[in-house]
Amino acid sequence: MAEVLRCLHVFNRQLPAAQQDNARPTVVLSLLTKELREGSHYEQAIEVLGKAYPSNDALTSGVQWLEAEFLSTLMSISSVREALEVLPQSSRLYASAAEWAKALYAAPQPLEADIGIVGRALTSRQEQVLELHRVCKAAEFADSGSSDSILATEPLLNLGKHHSKELPN
């Protein structure tokens, strides 16, 4: 795992500066019992993995760590109903999943002061739609010659027909 993080760090350092922040890896630590987490080997492993992907900033770590509690009951789930009963027992995992789901489906609530702005914006958009409709109607039959308008696409179609095999200079 440390070697993977080292290679990932080398690759991410070659990205443009704007993309480097978004390329920060996330490591999910799961299937660890309480005894394993409290052991000295766990702390040593986290330290080795942290050094494999060092951070430029002393205040933040290079790797984002996500931990999930291990419950043996989560290893033998036979139905969706049983999963819904057992999952809340794993508080970290359940809280993370619930937070993720709420953020995924949350809709921003408009403030009362913004409602007037939204109404004016809709009016402006409606005006733009009506203008677009008027322009489209004016050019709708321009190709057939029933109006004085001419479609700008006609010269492009002719150019495409005559130069389909080779590009003009």
N, C-alpha and C. Protein backbone atom coordinates (compact mmCIF):
# COMPACT_ATOMS: atom_id res chain seq x y z
N MET A 1 0.83 -1.19 0.00
CA MET A 1 0.00 0.00 0.00
C MET A 1 0.87 1.25 0.00
N ALA A 2 1.96 1.22 0.74
CA ALA A 2 2.86 2.38 0.78
C ALA A 2 3.46 2.64 -0.59
N GLU A 3 3.79 1.59 -1.32
CA GLU A 3 4.36 1.76 -2.66
C GLU A 3 3.35 2.38 -3.61
N VAL A 4 2.09 1.97 -3.50
CA VAL A 4 1.03 2.56 -4.33
C VAL A 4 0.91 4.05 -4.03
N LEU A 5 0.93 4.41 -2.76
CA LEU A 5 0.84 5.83 -2.39
C LEU A 5 2.06 6.62 -2.87
N ARG A 6 3.25 6.01 -2.82
CA ARG A 6 4.45 6.70 -3.32
C ARG A 6 4.33 6.98 -4.82
N CYS A 7 3.91 5.98 -5.58
CA CYS A 7 3.75 6.17 -7.03
C CYS A 7 2.66 7.19 -7.33
N LEU A 8 1.60 7.16 -6.57
CA LEU A 8 0.52 8.13 -6.75
C LEU A 8 1.01 9.54 -6.44
N HIS A 9 1.84 9.68 -5.42
CA HIS A 9 2.39 10.99 -5.06
C HIS A 9 3.28 11.53 -6.19
N VAL A 10 4.11 10.69 -6.76
CA VAL A 10 4.98 11.11 -7.87
C VAL A 10 4.13 11.55 -9.06
N PHE A 11 3.11 10.79 -9.37
CA PHE A 11 2.24 11.13 -10.50
C PHE A 11 1.49 12.44 -10.24
N ASN A 12 0.92 12.58 -9.05
CA ASN A 12 0.13 13.78 -8.74
C ASN A 12 0.98 15.05 -8.70
N ARG A 13 2.25 14.95 -8.38
CA ARG A 13 3.14 16.12 -8.38
C ARG A 13 3.36 16.65 -9.80
N GLN A 14 3.11 15.82 -10.80
CA GLN A 14 3.27 16.26 -12.19
C GLN A 14 2.03 16.95 -12.73
N LEU A 15 0.94 16.89 -11.99
CA LEU A 15 -0.30 17.55 -12.41
C LEU A 15 -0.17 19.06 -12.23
N PRO A 16 -0.98 19.84 -12.98
CA PRO A 16 -1.00 21.29 -12.75
C PRO A 16 -1.43 21.59 -11.31
N ALA A 17 -0.97 22.73 -10.79
CA ALA A 17 -1.22 23.08 -9.39
C ALA A 17 -2.70 23.11 -9.05
N ALA A 18 -3.53 23.54 -9.99
CA ALA A 18 -4.97 23.62 -9.72
C ALA A 18 -5.59 22.23 -9.53
N GLN A 19 -5.04 21.22 -10.16
CA GLN A 19 -5.60 19.87 -10.07
C GLN A 19 -5.02 19.07 -8.92
N GLN A 20 -3.90 19.51 -8.36
CA GLN A 20 -3.26 18.74 -7.30
C GLN A 20 -4.11 18.64 -6.05
N ASP A 21 -4.85 19.70 -5.70
CA ASP A 21 -5.70 19.64 -4.51
C ASP A 21 -6.83 18.64 -4.67
N ASN A 22 -7.38 18.53 -5.87
CA ASN A 22 -8.47 17.59 -6.12
C ASN A 22 -7.97 16.15 -6.24
N ALA A 23 -6.68 15.97 -6.43
CA ALA A 23 -6.12 14.63 -6.63
C ALA A 23 -5.65 14.00 -5.33
N ARG A 24 -5.97 14.61 -4.21
CA ARG A 24 -5.57 14.07 -2.91
C ARG A 24 -6.26 12.73 -2.68
N PRO A 25 -5.50 11.67 -2.40
CA PRO A 25 -6.11 10.34 -2.27
C PRO A 25 -6.86 10.17 -0.95
N THR A 26 -7.83 9.29 -0.99
CA THR A 26 -8.60 8.92 0.19
C THR A 26 -8.39 7.44 0.43
N VAL A 27 -8.02 7.08 1.65
CA VAL A 27 -7.82 5.68 2.01
C VAL A 27 -8.90 5.31 3.01
N VAL A 28 -9.65 4.26 2.70
CA VAL A 28 -10.70 3.78 3.59
C VAL A 28 -10.14 2.63 4.41
N LEU A 29 -10.16 2.81 5.72
CA LEU A 29 -9.69 1.78 6.63
C LEU A 29 -10.91 1.06 7.19
N SER A 30 -11.04 -0.20 6.83
CA SER A 30 -12.20 -0.96 7.30
C SER A 30 -11.75 -2.37 7.65
N LEU A 31 -12.68 -3.12 8.17
CA LEU A 31 -12.43 -4.51 8.58
C LEU A 31 -11.35 -4.61 9.65
N LEU A 32 -11.21 -3.56 10.45
CA LEU A 32 -10.26 -3.59 11.56
C LEU A 32 -11.04 -3.67 12.87
N THR A 33 -10.72 -4.68 13.66
CA THR A 33 -11.39 -4.80 14.95
C THR A 33 -10.83 -3.76 15.91
N LYS A 34 -11.50 -3.61 17.03
CA LYS A 34 -11.07 -2.64 18.04
C LYS A 34 -9.67 -2.99 18.54
N GLU A 35 -9.39 -4.27 18.71
CA GLU A 35 -8.08 -4.72 19.20
C GLU A 35 -6.98 -4.34 18.21
N LEU A 36 -7.25 -4.50 16.92
CA LEU A 36 -6.24 -4.15 15.92
C LEU A 36 -5.98 -2.64 15.89
N ARG A 37 -7.00 -1.84 16.06
CA ARG A 37 -6.84 -0.38 16.05
C ARG A 37 -6.05 0.10 17.25
N GLU A 38 -6.19 -0.56 18.38
CA GLU A 38 -5.50 -0.13 19.59
C GLU A 38 -4.06 -0.61 19.65
N GLY A 39 -3.67 -1.49 18.77
CA GLY A 39 -2.32 -2.03 18.78
C GLY A 39 -1.30 -1.05 18.24
N SER A 40 -0.04 -1.27 18.59
CA SER A 40 1.04 -0.37 18.14
C SER A 40 1.31 -0.53 16.65
N HIS A 41 1.02 -1.71 16.11
CA HIS A 41 1.25 -1.93 14.68
C HIS A 41 0.36 -1.04 13.83
N TYR A 42 -0.83 -0.76 14.31
CA TYR A 42 -1.77 0.10 13.58
C TYR A 42 -1.19 1.51 13.44
N GLU A 43 -0.69 2.05 14.54
CA GLU A 43 -0.10 3.40 14.51
C GLU A 43 1.13 3.44 13.60
N GLN A 44 1.94 2.40 13.65
CA GLN A 44 3.13 2.33 12.79
C GLN A 44 2.72 2.26 11.32
N ALA A 45 1.70 1.48 11.02
CA ALA A 45 1.25 1.35 9.64
C ALA A 45 0.71 2.68 9.12
N ILE A 46 -0.06 3.40 9.94
CA ILE A 46 -0.58 4.71 9.53
C ILE A 46 0.57 5.68 9.30
N GLU A 47 1.57 5.63 10.15
CA GLU A 47 2.73 6.52 10.00
C GLU A 47 3.49 6.23 8.71
N VAL A 48 3.70 4.96 8.40
CA VAL A 48 4.39 4.58 7.17
C VAL A 48 3.60 5.02 5.95
N LEU A 49 2.29 4.80 5.98
CA LEU A 49 1.45 5.21 4.85
C LEU A 49 1.41 6.72 4.71
N GLY A 50 1.39 7.44 5.82
CA GLY A 50 1.40 8.90 5.77
C GLY A 50 2.68 9.44 5.18
N LYS A 51 3.81 8.81 5.48
CA LYS A 51 5.10 9.24 4.92
C LYS A 51 5.21 8.90 3.43
N ALA A 52 4.47 7.91 2.98
CA ALA A 52 4.52 7.52 1.57
C ALA A 52 3.89 8.57 0.68
N TYR A 53 2.96 9.36 1.21
CA TYR A 53 2.32 10.43 0.45
C TYR A 53 2.40 11.70 1.30
N PRO A 54 3.58 12.36 1.31
CA PRO A 54 3.76 13.53 2.16
C PRO A 54 2.95 14.73 1.67
N SER A 55 2.67 15.64 2.59
CA SER A 55 1.89 16.83 2.28
C SER A 55 2.82 18.03 2.13
N ASN A 56 2.42 18.98 1.27
CA ASN A 56 3.18 20.22 1.14
C ASN A 56 2.92 21.14 2.32
N ASP A 57 1.74 21.01 2.90
CA ASP A 57 1.31 21.87 4.00
C ASP A 57 1.45 21.10 5.31
N ALA A 58 2.04 21.73 6.31
CA ALA A 58 2.23 21.05 7.59
C ALA A 58 0.93 20.88 8.36
N LEU A 59 -0.10 21.63 8.01
CA LEU A 59 -1.36 21.57 8.75
C LEU A 59 -2.30 20.47 8.26
N THR A 60 -2.13 20.02 7.03
CA THR A 60 -3.01 18.98 6.50
C THR A 60 -2.19 17.75 6.13
N SER A 61 -2.83 16.60 6.20
CA SER A 61 -2.13 15.39 5.81
C SER A 61 -2.26 15.20 4.30
N GLY A 62 -1.33 14.46 3.72
CA GLY A 62 -1.37 14.23 2.29
C GLY A 62 -2.48 13.29 1.89
N VAL A 63 -2.84 12.39 2.79
CA VAL A 63 -3.87 11.39 2.52
C VAL A 63 -5.07 11.67 3.42
N GLN A 64 -6.26 11.53 2.86
CA GLN A 64 -7.47 11.64 3.67
C GLN A 64 -7.82 10.25 4.17
N TRP A 65 -7.93 10.08 5.48
CA TRP A 65 -8.22 8.79 6.08
C TRP A 65 -9.69 8.70 6.43
N LEU A 66 -10.36 7.66 5.99
CA LEU A 66 -11.75 7.38 6.36
C LEU A 66 -11.76 6.03 7.08
N GLU A 67 -12.32 6.03 8.28
CA GLU A 67 -12.35 4.79 9.06
C GLU A 67 -13.77 4.29 9.20
N ALA A 68 -13.92 3.01 9.09
CA ALA A 68 -15.22 2.37 9.29
C ALA A 68 -15.06 1.30 10.36
N GLU A 69 -15.99 1.25 11.29
CA GLU A 69 -15.92 0.25 12.35
C GLU A 69 -16.19 -1.14 11.78
N PHE A 70 -15.50 -2.10 12.34
CA PHE A 70 -15.71 -3.48 11.93
C PHE A 70 -16.69 -4.14 12.88
N LEU A 71 -17.73 -4.69 12.33
CA LEU A 71 -18.67 -5.50 13.10
C LEU A 71 -18.82 -6.83 12.39
N SER A 72 -18.67 -7.90 13.13
CA SER A 72 -18.78 -9.22 12.51
C SER A 72 -20.17 -9.44 11.92
N THR A 73 -21.18 -8.77 12.47
CA THR A 73 -22.53 -8.93 11.94
C THR A 73 -22.66 -8.36 10.53
N LEU A 74 -21.79 -7.42 10.17
CA LEU A 74 -21.83 -6.86 8.82
C LEU A 74 -21.26 -7.82 7.78
N MET A 75 -20.57 -8.84 8.22
CA MET A 75 -19.95 -9.79 7.30
C MET A 75 -20.93 -10.86 6.81
N SER A 76 -22.04 -11.03 7.50
CA SER A 76 -22.97 -12.10 7.11
C SER A 76 -24.39 -11.55 7.00
N ILE A 77 -24.60 -10.69 6.04
CA ILE A 77 -25.92 -10.12 5.79
C ILE A 77 -26.55 -10.89 4.64
N SER A 78 -27.78 -11.36 4.87
CA SER A 78 -28.41 -12.19 3.85
C SER A 78 -29.55 -11.50 3.11
N SER A 79 -30.00 -10.35 3.61
CA SER A 79 -31.10 -9.67 2.94
C SER A 79 -31.00 -8.16 3.16
N VAL A 80 -31.74 -7.43 2.37
CA VAL A 80 -31.76 -5.97 2.51
C VAL A 80 -32.37 -5.59 3.85
N ARG A 81 -33.39 -6.30 4.25
CA ARG A 81 -34.05 -6.01 5.54
C ARG A 81 -33.05 -6.18 6.69
N GLU A 82 -32.27 -7.25 6.64
CA GLU A 82 -31.27 -7.48 7.69
C GLU A 82 -30.20 -6.40 7.65
N ALA A 83 -29.82 -5.97 6.46
CA ALA A 83 -28.82 -4.91 6.34
C ALA A 83 -29.32 -3.61 6.96
N LEU A 84 -30.59 -3.29 6.74
CA LEU A 84 -31.16 -2.08 7.32
C LEU A 84 -31.23 -2.15 8.84
N GLU A 85 -31.36 -3.35 9.38
CA GLU A 85 -31.39 -3.51 10.84
C GLU A 85 -29.99 -3.46 11.44
N VAL A 86 -29.00 -4.01 10.76
CA VAL A 86 -27.65 -4.13 11.30
C VAL A 86 -26.81 -2.88 11.05
N LEU A 87 -27.01 -2.21 9.94
CA LEU A 87 -26.16 -1.08 9.56
C LEU A 87 -26.14 0.05 10.59
N PRO A 88 -27.26 0.44 11.20
CA PRO A 88 -27.19 1.52 12.20
C PRO A 88 -26.32 1.18 13.41
N GLN A 89 -26.03 -0.09 13.65
CA GLN A 89 -25.16 -0.47 14.77
C GLN A 89 -23.73 -0.02 14.54
N SER A 90 -23.31 0.09 13.30
CA SER A 90 -21.98 0.58 12.97
C SER A 90 -22.07 2.10 12.82
N SER A 91 -21.91 2.80 13.92
CA SER A 91 -22.23 4.23 13.96
C SER A 91 -21.41 5.06 12.97
N ARG A 92 -20.11 4.85 12.87
CA ARG A 92 -19.30 5.65 11.94
C ARG A 92 -19.71 5.42 10.49
N LEU A 93 -19.84 4.16 10.14
CA LEU A 93 -20.19 3.82 8.77
C LEU A 93 -21.59 4.34 8.44
N TYR A 94 -22.52 4.15 9.35
CA TYR A 94 -23.90 4.61 9.13
C TYR A 94 -23.96 6.13 9.06
N ALA A 95 -23.25 6.81 9.95
CA ALA A 95 -23.26 8.28 9.95
C ALA A 95 -22.67 8.82 8.66
N SER A 96 -21.59 8.22 8.19
CA SER A 96 -20.97 8.66 6.94
C SER A 96 -21.91 8.44 5.76
N ALA A 97 -22.55 7.28 5.72
CA ALA A 97 -23.46 6.99 4.62
C ALA A 97 -24.68 7.91 4.66
N ALA A 98 -25.21 8.17 5.85
CA ALA A 98 -26.37 9.06 5.97
C ALA A 98 -26.00 10.49 5.57
N GLU A 99 -24.83 10.95 6.00
CA GLU A 99 -24.38 12.30 5.63
C GLU A 99 -24.19 12.42 4.12
N TRP A 100 -23.60 11.39 3.52
CA TRP A 100 -23.39 11.40 2.08
C TRP A 100 -24.73 11.45 1.34
N ALA A 101 -25.69 10.63 1.79
CA ALA A 101 -26.99 10.59 1.12
C ALA A 101 -27.74 11.91 1.26
N LYS A 102 -27.67 12.52 2.43
CA LYS A 102 -28.34 13.81 2.63
C LYS A 102 -27.73 14.88 1.74
N ALA A 103 -26.40 14.88 1.64
CA ALA A 103 -25.73 15.88 0.79
C ALA A 103 -26.05 15.64 -0.68
N LEU A 104 -26.21 14.39 -1.05
CA LEU A 104 -26.48 14.05 -2.44
C LEU A 104 -27.85 14.53 -2.88
N TYR A 105 -28.83 14.39 -2.01
CA TYR A 105 -30.20 14.72 -2.38
C TYR A 105 -30.68 16.05 -1.81
N ALA A 106 -29.81 16.80 -1.17
CA ALA A 106 -30.22 18.09 -0.60
C ALA A 106 -30.42 19.11 -1.71
N ALA A 107 -31.52 19.85 -1.61
CA ALA A 107 -31.81 20.92 -2.57
C ALA A 107 -31.64 22.24 -1.85
N PRO A 108 -30.95 23.20 -2.44
CA PRO A 108 -30.77 24.49 -1.78
C PRO A 108 -32.11 25.21 -1.64
N GLN A 109 -32.35 25.77 -0.47
CA GLN A 109 -33.58 26.49 -0.20
C GLN A 109 -33.35 27.97 -0.50
N PRO A 110 -34.17 28.59 -1.38
CA PRO A 110 -33.98 30.01 -1.68
C PRO A 110 -34.41 30.87 -0.50
N LEU A 111 -33.67 31.95 -0.27
CA LEU A 111 -34.03 32.91 0.76
C LEU A 111 -35.16 33.78 0.25
N GLU A 112 -35.92 34.36 1.18
CA GLU A 112 -37.06 35.19 0.78
C GLU A 112 -36.60 36.40 -0.02
N ALA A 113 -35.43 36.95 0.30
CA ALA A 113 -34.92 38.11 -0.43
C ALA A 113 -34.56 37.74 -1.86
N ASP A 114 -34.18 36.48 -2.06
CA ASP A 114 -33.78 36.04 -3.40
C ASP A 114 -34.98 35.77 -4.30
N ILE A 115 -36.17 35.61 -3.74
CA ILE A 115 -37.34 35.26 -4.54
C ILE A 115 -37.65 36.35 -5.56
N GLY A 116 -37.52 37.62 -5.16
CA GLY A 116 -37.75 38.72 -6.10
C GLY A 116 -36.75 38.71 -7.24
N ILE A 117 -35.49 38.39 -6.93
CA ILE A 117 -34.44 38.33 -7.95
C ILE A 117 -34.73 37.18 -8.91
N VAL A 118 -35.17 36.05 -8.37
CA VAL A 118 -35.50 34.90 -9.21
C VAL A 118 -36.65 35.24 -10.13
N GLY A 119 -37.66 35.94 -9.62
CA GLY A 119 -38.80 36.34 -10.45
C GLY A 119 -38.38 37.24 -11.59
N ARG A 120 -37.48 38.20 -11.30
CA ARG A 120 -36.99 39.09 -12.37
C ARG A 120 -36.14 38.30 -13.36
N ALA A 121 -35.36 37.34 -12.86
CA ALA A 121 -34.54 36.53 -13.76
C ALA A 121 -35.41 35.69 -14.68
N LEU A 122 -36.51 35.16 -14.15
CA LEU A 122 -37.42 34.39 -14.99
C LEU A 122 -38.03 35.27 -16.07
N THR A 123 -38.38 36.49 -15.71
CA THR A 123 -38.94 37.41 -16.70
C THR A 123 -37.92 37.68 -17.79
N SER A 124 -36.67 37.89 -17.41
CA SER A 124 -35.61 38.13 -18.39
C SER A 124 -35.41 36.90 -19.27
N ARG A 125 -35.44 35.74 -18.68
CA ARG A 125 -35.28 34.50 -19.46
C ARG A 125 -36.46 34.30 -20.40
N GLN A 126 -37.64 34.61 -19.93
CA GLN A 126 -38.81 34.48 -20.79
C GLN A 126 -38.70 35.43 -21.99
N GLU A 127 -38.18 36.63 -21.75
CA GLU A 127 -37.99 37.57 -22.85
C GLU A 127 -36.97 37.02 -23.85
N GLN A 128 -35.91 36.41 -23.35
CA GLN A 128 -34.90 35.83 -24.23
C GLN A 128 -35.47 34.68 -25.03
N VAL A 129 -36.30 33.88 -24.41
CA VAL A 129 -36.93 32.75 -25.11
C VAL A 129 -37.84 33.27 -26.21
N LEU A 130 -38.62 34.30 -25.92
CA LEU A 130 -39.51 34.87 -26.93
C LEU A 130 -38.72 35.46 -28.10
N GLU A 131 -37.59 36.11 -27.81
CA GLU A 131 -36.74 36.67 -28.87
C GLU A 131 -36.16 35.55 -29.73
N LEU A 132 -35.70 34.48 -29.09
CA LEU A 132 -35.17 33.33 -29.84
C LEU A 132 -36.26 32.72 -30.71
N HIS A 133 -37.46 32.59 -30.19
CA HIS A 133 -38.58 32.05 -30.96
C HIS A 133 -38.87 32.93 -32.17
N ARG A 134 -38.84 34.25 -32.00
CA ARG A 134 -39.11 35.17 -33.11
C ARG A 134 -38.04 35.03 -34.20
N VAL A 135 -36.78 34.93 -33.81
CA VAL A 135 -35.69 34.78 -34.78
C VAL A 135 -35.83 33.46 -35.53
N CYS A 136 -36.16 32.39 -34.81
CA CYS A 136 -36.32 31.08 -35.45
C CYS A 136 -37.49 31.08 -36.43
N LYS A 137 -38.58 31.71 -36.06
CA LYS A 137 -39.74 31.80 -36.95
C LYS A 137 -39.40 32.59 -38.20
N ALA A 138 -38.61 33.67 -38.06
CA ALA A 138 -38.25 34.48 -39.22
C ALA A 138 -37.37 33.69 -40.19
N ALA A 139 -36.54 32.81 -39.69
CA ALA A 139 -35.62 32.06 -40.55
C ALA A 139 -36.14 30.68 -40.89
N GLU A 140 -37.32 30.33 -40.41
CA GLU A 140 -37.84 28.98 -40.58
C GLU A 140 -37.99 28.60 -42.05
N PHE A 141 -38.53 29.48 -42.86
CA PHE A 141 -38.76 29.16 -44.27
C PHE A 141 -37.83 29.94 -45.18
N ALA A 142 -36.72 30.44 -44.65
CA ALA A 142 -35.79 31.23 -45.47
C ALA A 142 -35.14 30.37 -46.54
N ASP A 143 -34.98 29.09 -46.28
CA ASP A 143 -34.33 28.21 -47.24
C ASP A 143 -35.21 28.01 -48.47
N SER A 144 -36.53 28.03 -48.30
CA SER A 144 -37.42 27.81 -49.43
C SER A 144 -37.64 29.07 -50.27
N GLY A 145 -37.16 30.20 -49.81
CA GLY A 145 -37.26 31.43 -50.59
C GLY A 145 -38.54 32.19 -50.38
N SER A 146 -39.34 31.85 -49.39
CA SER A 146 -40.60 32.55 -49.17
C SER A 146 -40.41 33.88 -48.45
N SER A 147 -39.20 34.16 -47.97
CA SER A 147 -38.95 35.45 -47.33
C SER A 147 -37.62 36.00 -47.84
N ASP A 148 -37.35 37.24 -47.48
CA ASP A 148 -36.10 37.87 -47.91
C ASP A 148 -34.91 37.40 -47.08
N SER A 149 -35.17 36.77 -45.95
CA SER A 149 -34.08 36.30 -45.09
C SER A 149 -33.37 35.13 -45.75
N ILE A 150 -32.11 35.00 -45.46
CA ILE A 150 -31.33 33.87 -45.98
C ILE A 150 -30.63 33.20 -44.80
N LEU A 151 -30.63 31.92 -44.82
CA LEU A 151 -29.98 31.20 -43.74
C LEU A 151 -28.47 31.26 -43.90
N ALA A 152 -27.78 31.44 -42.81
CA ALA A 152 -26.32 31.48 -42.83
C ALA A 152 -25.74 30.10 -43.09
N THR A 153 -26.54 29.07 -42.94
CA THR A 153 -26.03 27.72 -43.13
C THR A 153 -25.91 27.33 -44.60
N GLU A 154 -26.59 28.02 -45.51
CA GLU A 154 -26.54 27.68 -46.94
C GLU A 154 -25.11 27.75 -47.49
N PRO A 155 -24.34 28.82 -47.25
CA PRO A 155 -22.96 28.83 -47.74
C PRO A 155 -22.12 27.72 -47.12
N LEU A 156 -22.38 27.40 -45.88
CA LEU A 156 -21.62 26.33 -45.24
C LEU A 156 -21.95 24.97 -45.85
N LEU A 157 -23.21 24.75 -46.20
CA LEU A 157 -23.59 23.50 -46.85
C LEU A 157 -22.91 23.37 -48.21
N ASN A 158 -22.90 24.46 -48.99
CA ASN A 158 -22.24 24.44 -50.30
C ASN A 158 -20.75 24.17 -50.15
N LEU A 159 -20.13 24.82 -49.19
CA LEU A 159 -18.69 24.62 -48.94
C LEU A 159 -18.43 23.16 -48.59
N GLY A 160 -19.30 22.58 -47.78
CA GLY A 160 -19.14 21.18 -47.40
C GLY A 160 -19.32 20.23 -48.57
N LYS A 161 -20.25 20.53 -49.49
CA LYS A 161 -20.48 19.67 -50.65
C LYS A 161 -19.29 19.69 -51.59
N HIS A 162 -18.74 20.87 -51.84
CA HIS A 162 -17.67 21.00 -52.83
C HIS A 162 -16.31 20.57 -52.29
N HIS A 163 -16.13 20.61 -51.00
CA HIS A 163 -14.82 20.28 -50.43
C HIS A 163 -14.91 19.13 -49.44
N SER A 164 -15.70 18.11 -49.76
CA SER A 164 -15.85 16.98 -48.85
C SER A 164 -14.63 16.07 -48.85
N LYS A 165 -13.87 16.06 -49.94
CA LYS A 165 -12.70 15.19 -50.03
C LYS A 165 -11.43 15.86 -49.53
N GLU A 166 -11.31 17.17 -49.74
CA GLU A 166 -10.09 17.88 -49.33
C GLU A 166 -10.46 19.25 -48.79
N LEU A 167 -9.62 19.75 -47.91
CA LEU A 167 -9.87 21.05 -47.30
C LEU A 167 -9.38 22.17 -48.21
N PRO A 168 -10.13 23.30 -48.30
CA PRO A 168 -9.65 24.43 -49.11
C PRO A 168 -8.52 25.15 -48.40
N ASN A 169 -7.74 25.91 -49.16
CA ASN A 169 -6.62 26.66 -48.57
C ASN A 169 -7.09 27.81 -47.76
